[in-house]
């Protein structure tokens, strides 16, 4: 069932991205099946599942475009602009879906990922852990914190 959720998410997110950018989402993103399985376990409706997985996809793709940049990279400008555009799409996507708890939870994590990228450090595990924790809280497996943004800060800085 995750394959259908992944394909629906990729198609929906791709429609959200302006065709003028020429950005094409990777259709063979190996990291999506695990996250899709976690999202399906939350028992959210299909619309919300697509929005949750889509927000994850947009952040991961933005971080991939920004990863490993060097001044000698012939595609430097394009990769920076693509990554920034995808991150902007993520914010638009998550706000349109009214996933404000997720936005608050991930804001410090996304910032930490950007800081780590500048110093050449990987940080995808931080994003994965933050999403897993958020989804487990949504499913009732973990208690919900009093403040989503405060909890996101704890995840972002304690899992470095």
C-alpha atoms as a PDB file:
ATOM      1  CA  UNK A   1       0.000   0.000   0.000  1.00  0.00           C
ATOM      2  CA  UNK A   2       2.923   2.362   0.581  1.00  0.00           C
ATOM      3  CA  UNK A   3       3.733   2.296  -3.135  1.00  0.00           C
ATOM      4  CA  UNK A   4       0.342   3.836  -3.956  1.00  0.00           C
ATOM      5  CA  UNK A   5       0.761   6.483  -1.256  1.00  0.00           C
ATOM      6  CA  UNK A   6       4.255   7.300  -2.524  1.00  0.00           C
ATOM      7  CA  UNK A   7       3.139   7.594  -6.153  1.00  0.00           C
ATOM      8  CA  UNK A   8       0.110   9.713  -5.218  1.00  0.00           C
ATOM      9  CA  UNK A   9       2.321  11.960  -3.085  1.00  0.00           C
ATOM     10  CA  UNK A  10       4.968  12.423  -5.765  1.00  0.00           C
ATOM     11  CA  UNK A  11       2.307  13.244  -8.371  1.00  0.00           C
ATOM     12  CA  UNK A  12       0.552  15.718  -6.055  1.00  0.00           C
ATOM     13  CA  UNK A  13       3.780  17.436  -5.018  1.00  0.00           C
ATOM     14  CA  UNK A  14       4.983  17.616  -8.628  1.00  0.00           C
ATOM     15  CA  UNK A  15       1.773  19.470  -9.546  1.00  0.00           C
ATOM     16  CA  UNK A  16       2.508  21.902  -6.699  1.00  0.00           C
ATOM     17  CA  UNK A  17       5.892  22.785  -8.226  1.00  0.00           C
ATOM     18  CA  UNK A  18       5.820  25.378 -10.972  1.00  0.00           C
ATOM     19  CA  UNK A  19       6.637  23.847 -14.387  1.00  0.00           C
ATOM     20  CA  UNK A  20       8.755  26.918 -15.086  1.00  0.00           C
ATOM     21  CA  UNK A  21      11.372  25.638 -12.632  1.00  0.00           C
ATOM     22  CA  UNK A  22      12.054  22.394 -14.532  1.00  0.00           C
ATOM     23  CA  UNK A  23      12.400  20.658 -11.144  1.00  0.00           C
ATOM     24  CA  UNK A  24      11.407  17.005 -11.359  1.00  0.00           C
ATOM     25  CA  UNK A  25      11.022  15.008  -8.202  1.00  0.00           C
ATOM     26  CA  UNK A  26      12.930  11.775  -7.953  1.00  0.00           C
ATOM     27  CA  UNK A  27      10.468   8.945  -8.452  1.00  0.00           C
ATOM     28  CA  UNK A  28      12.818   6.361  -6.989  1.00  0.00           C
ATOM     29  CA  UNK A  29      13.376   7.959  -3.620  1.00  0.00           C
ATOM     30  CA  UNK A  30      14.433   5.014  -1.472  1.00  0.00           C
ATOM     31  CA  UNK A  31      13.784   6.864   1.758  1.00  0.00           C
ATOM     32  CA  UNK A  32      10.032   7.205   1.229  1.00  0.00           C
ATOM     33  CA  UNK A  33       8.807   3.635   1.940  1.00  0.00           C
ATOM     34  CA  UNK A  34       9.817   3.741   5.612  1.00  0.00           C
ATOM     35  CA  UNK A  35       8.286   7.161   6.153  1.00  0.00           C
ATOM     36  CA  UNK A  36       5.150   6.176   4.214  1.00  0.00           C
ATOM     37  CA  UNK A  37       4.725   3.138   6.469  1.00  0.00           C
ATOM     38  CA  UNK A  38       5.009   5.335   9.567  1.00  0.00           C
ATOM     39  CA  UNK A  39       2.500   7.819   8.174  1.00  0.00           C
ATOM     40  CA  UNK A  40       0.032   5.055   7.331  1.00  0.00           C
ATOM     41  CA  UNK A  41       0.341   3.767  10.911  1.00  0.00           C
ATOM     42  CA  UNK A  42      -0.994   7.127  12.149  1.00  0.00           C
ATOM     43  CA  UNK A  43      -4.372   6.216  10.652  1.00  0.00           C
ATOM     44  CA  UNK A  44      -4.776   9.656   9.111  1.00  0.00           C
ATOM     45  CA  UNK A  45      -7.047  10.064   6.108  1.00  0.00           C
ATOM     46  CA  UNK A  46      -5.454   9.761   2.659  1.00  0.00           C
ATOM     47  CA  UNK A  47      -5.407  13.524   2.097  1.00  0.00           C
ATOM     48  CA  UNK A  48      -3.423  14.100   5.298  1.00  0.00           C
ATOM     49  CA  UNK A  49      -1.116  11.161   4.558  1.00  0.00           C
ATOM     50  CA  UNK A  50      -0.224  12.754   1.215  1.00  0.00           C
ATOM     51  CA  UNK A  51       0.410  16.112   2.885  1.00  0.00           C
ATOM     52  CA  UNK A  52       2.601  14.615   5.597  1.00  0.00           C
ATOM     53  CA  UNK A  53       4.666  12.566   3.152  1.00  0.00           C
ATOM     54  CA  UNK A  54       4.785  15.473   0.699  1.00  0.00           C
ATOM     55  CA  UNK A  55       6.203  17.812   3.320  1.00  0.00           C
ATOM     56  CA  UNK A  56       8.898  15.256   4.123  1.00  0.00           C
ATOM     57  CA  UNK A  57       9.692  14.805   0.431  1.00  0.00           C
ATOM     58  CA  UNK A  58      10.006  18.550  -0.171  1.00  0.00           C
ATOM     59  CA  UNK A  59      12.412  19.078   2.733  1.00  0.00           C
ATOM     60  CA  UNK A  60      14.520  16.053   1.747  1.00  0.00           C
ATOM     61  CA  UNK A  61      14.711  17.175  -1.877  1.00  0.00           C
ATOM     62  CA  UNK A  62      15.655  20.728  -0.833  1.00  0.00           C
ATOM     63  CA  UNK A  63      18.413  19.390   1.385  1.00  0.00           C
ATOM     64  CA  UNK A  64      19.666  17.124  -1.417  1.00  0.00           C
ATOM     65  CA  UNK A  65      19.917  20.067  -3.788  1.00  0.00           C
ATOM     66  CA  UNK A  66      21.952  21.959  -1.189  1.00  0.00           C
ATOM     67  CA  UNK A  67      24.162  19.011  -0.194  1.00  0.00           C
ATOM     68  CA  UNK A  68      27.831  18.991  -1.114  1.00  0.00           C
ATOM     69  CA  UNK A  69      27.902  22.363  -2.835  1.00  0.00           C
ATOM     70  CA  UNK A  70      31.299  23.805  -3.711  1.00  0.00           C
ATOM     71  CA  UNK A  71      32.317  27.052  -5.354  1.00  0.00           C
ATOM     72  CA  UNK A  72      33.622  25.090  -8.344  1.00  0.00           C
ATOM     73  CA  UNK A  73      30.315  23.279  -8.902  1.00  0.00           C
ATOM     74  CA  UNK A  74      29.164  24.190 -12.440  1.00  0.00           C
ATOM     75  CA  UNK A  75      25.529  23.916 -11.298  1.00  0.00           C
ATOM     76  CA  UNK A  76      26.052  25.894  -8.084  1.00  0.00           C
ATOM     77  CA  UNK A  77      23.550  28.670  -8.775  1.00  0.00           C
ATOM     78  CA  UNK A  78      20.910  26.294 -10.123  1.00  0.00           C
ATOM     79  CA  UNK A  79      21.242  23.930  -7.157  1.00  0.00           C
ATOM     80  CA  UNK A  80      21.023  26.767  -4.637  1.00  0.00           C
ATOM     81  CA  UNK A  81      17.964  28.233  -6.341  1.00  0.00           C
ATOM     82  CA  UNK A  82      16.307  24.813  -6.708  1.00  0.00           C
ATOM     83  CA  UNK A  83      16.900  23.980  -3.050  1.00  0.00           C
ATOM     84  CA  UNK A  84      15.610  27.357  -1.895  1.00  0.00           C
ATOM     85  CA  UNK A  85      12.575  27.028  -4.161  1.00  0.00           C
ATOM     86  CA  UNK A  86      11.796  23.528  -2.828  1.00  0.00           C
ATOM     87  CA  UNK A  87      12.103  24.754   0.742  1.00  0.00           C
ATOM     88  CA  UNK A  88       9.697  27.589  -0.090  1.00  0.00           C
ATOM     89  CA  UNK A  89       7.332  25.003  -1.585  1.00  0.00           C
ATOM     90  CA  UNK A  90       7.583  23.031   1.659  1.00  0.00           C
ATOM     91  CA  UNK A  91       6.484  26.070   3.698  1.00  0.00           C
ATOM     92  CA  UNK A  92       3.641  26.807   1.277  1.00  0.00           C
ATOM     93  CA  UNK A  93       2.619  23.126   1.193  1.00  0.00           C
ATOM     94  CA  UNK A  94       2.586  22.703   4.961  1.00  0.00           C
ATOM     95  CA  UNK A  95       0.683  25.957   5.543  1.00  0.00           C
ATOM     96  CA  UNK A  96      -1.948  25.142   2.915  1.00  0.00           C
ATOM     97  CA  UNK A  97      -2.469  21.797   4.661  1.00  0.00           C
ATOM     98  CA  UNK A  98      -2.744  23.676   7.980  1.00  0.00           C
ATOM     99  CA  UNK A  99      -0.147  21.383   9.541  1.00  0.00           C
ATOM    100  CA  UNK A 100       0.996  24.101  11.927  1.00  0.00           C
ATOM    101  CA  UNK A 101       2.032  21.672  14.674  1.00  0.00           C
ATOM    102  CA  UNK A 102       4.333  19.918  12.211  1.00  0.00           C
ATOM    103  CA  UNK A 103       5.676  23.254  10.976  1.00  0.00           C
ATOM    104  CA  UNK A 104       6.492  24.348  14.540  1.00  0.00           C
ATOM    105  CA  UNK A 105       8.001  20.953  15.329  1.00  0.00           C
ATOM    106  CA  UNK A 106      10.262  20.923  12.276  1.00  0.00           C
ATOM    107  CA  UNK A 107      11.304  24.598  12.126  1.00  0.00           C
ATOM    108  CA  UNK A 108      14.354  24.210  14.389  1.00  0.00           C
ATOM    109  CA  UNK A 109      15.283  20.941  12.687  1.00  0.00           C
ATOM    110  CA  UNK A 110      15.171  22.476   9.212  1.00  0.00           C
ATOM    111  CA  UNK A 111      17.328  25.372  10.437  1.00  0.00           C
ATOM    112  CA  UNK A 112      19.823  22.938  11.937  1.00  0.00           C
ATOM    113  CA  UNK A 113      19.940  21.042   8.622  1.00  0.00           C
ATOM    114  CA  UNK A 114      20.741  24.282   6.805  1.00  0.00           C
ATOM    115  CA  UNK A 115      23.527  25.106   9.254  1.00  0.00           C
ATOM    116  CA  UNK A 116      24.968  21.604   8.959  1.00  0.00           C
ATOM    117  CA  UNK A 117      24.830  21.774   5.157  1.00  0.00           C
ATOM    118  CA  UNK A 118      26.913  24.949   5.152  1.00  0.00           C
ATOM    119  CA  UNK A 119      29.601  23.166   7.140  1.00  0.00           C
ATOM    120  CA  UNK A 120      29.426  20.087   4.902  1.00  0.00           C
ATOM    121  CA  UNK A 121      27.824  17.822   7.511  1.00  0.00           C
ATOM    122  CA  UNK A 122      25.024  15.388   6.782  1.00  0.00           C
ATOM    123  CA  UNK A 123      21.874  15.766   8.787  1.00  0.00           C
ATOM    124  CA  UNK A 124      19.164  13.684   7.157  1.00  0.00           C
ATOM    125  CA  UNK A 125      18.996  11.498  10.250  1.00  0.00           C
ATOM    126  CA  UNK A 126      17.845  14.551  12.227  1.00  0.00           C
ATOM    127  CA  UNK A 127      14.945  15.114   9.858  1.00  0.00           C
ATOM    128  CA  UNK A 128      14.005  11.435   9.905  1.00  0.00           C
ATOM    129  CA  UNK A 129      14.085  11.334  13.706  1.00  0.00           C
ATOM    130  CA  UNK A 130      12.020  14.514  14.035  1.00  0.00           C
ATOM    131  CA  UNK A 131       9.364  13.175  11.647  1.00  0.00           C
ATOM    132  CA  UNK A 132       9.286   9.798  13.401  1.00  0.00           C
ATOM    133  CA  UNK A 133       8.847  11.451  16.782  1.00  0.00           C
ATOM    134  CA  UNK A 134       6.127  13.768  15.493  1.00  0.00           C
ATOM    135  CA  UNK A 135       4.258  10.874  13.858  1.00  0.00           C
ATOM    136  CA  UNK A 136       4.545   8.668  16.941  1.00  0.00           C
ATOM    137  CA  UNK A 137       3.131  11.509  19.020  1.00  0.00           C
ATOM    138  CA  UNK A 138       0.296  11.909  16.522  1.00  0.00           C
ATOM    139  CA  UNK A 139      -0.429   8.181  16.759  1.00  0.00           C
ATOM    140  CA  UNK A 140      -0.480   8.379  20.547  1.00  0.00           C
ATOM    141  CA  UNK A 141       2.582   6.179  20.962  1.00  0.00           C
ATOM    142  CA  UNK A 142       4.462   9.029  22.678  1.00  0.00           C
ATOM    143  CA  UNK A 143       2.912  11.762  24.831  1.00  0.00           C
ATOM    144  CA  UNK A 144       2.394  15.099  23.124  1.00  0.00           C
ATOM    145  CA  UNK A 145       4.566  17.926  24.477  1.00  0.00           C
ATOM    146  CA  UNK A 146       3.090  21.119  25.896  1.00  0.00           C
ATOM    147  CA  UNK A 147       4.813  23.122  23.155  1.00  0.00           C
ATOM    148  CA  UNK A 148       5.509  21.722  19.692  1.00  0.00           C
ATOM    149  CA  UNK A 149       8.204  24.289  18.972  1.00  0.00           C
ATOM    150  CA  UNK A 150       9.968  23.629  22.261  1.00  0.00           C
ATOM    151  CA  UNK A 151       9.880  19.902  21.572  1.00  0.00           C
ATOM    152  CA  UNK A 152      11.291  20.416  18.096  1.00  0.00           C
ATOM    153  CA  UNK A 153      14.208  22.324  19.595  1.00  0.00           C
ATOM    154  CA  UNK A 154      14.945  19.433  21.923  1.00  0.00           C
ATOM    155  CA  UNK A 155      14.965  16.956  19.033  1.00  0.00           C
ATOM    156  CA  UNK A 156      17.069  19.244  16.843  1.00  0.00           C
ATOM    157  CA  UNK A 157      19.808  19.891  19.329  1.00  0.00           C
ATOM    158  CA  UNK A 158      19.945  16.682  21.343  1.00  0.00           C
ATOM    159  CA  UNK A 159      20.262  14.329  18.377  1.00  0.00           C
ATOM    160  CA  UNK A 160      23.249  16.046  16.779  1.00  0.00           C
END
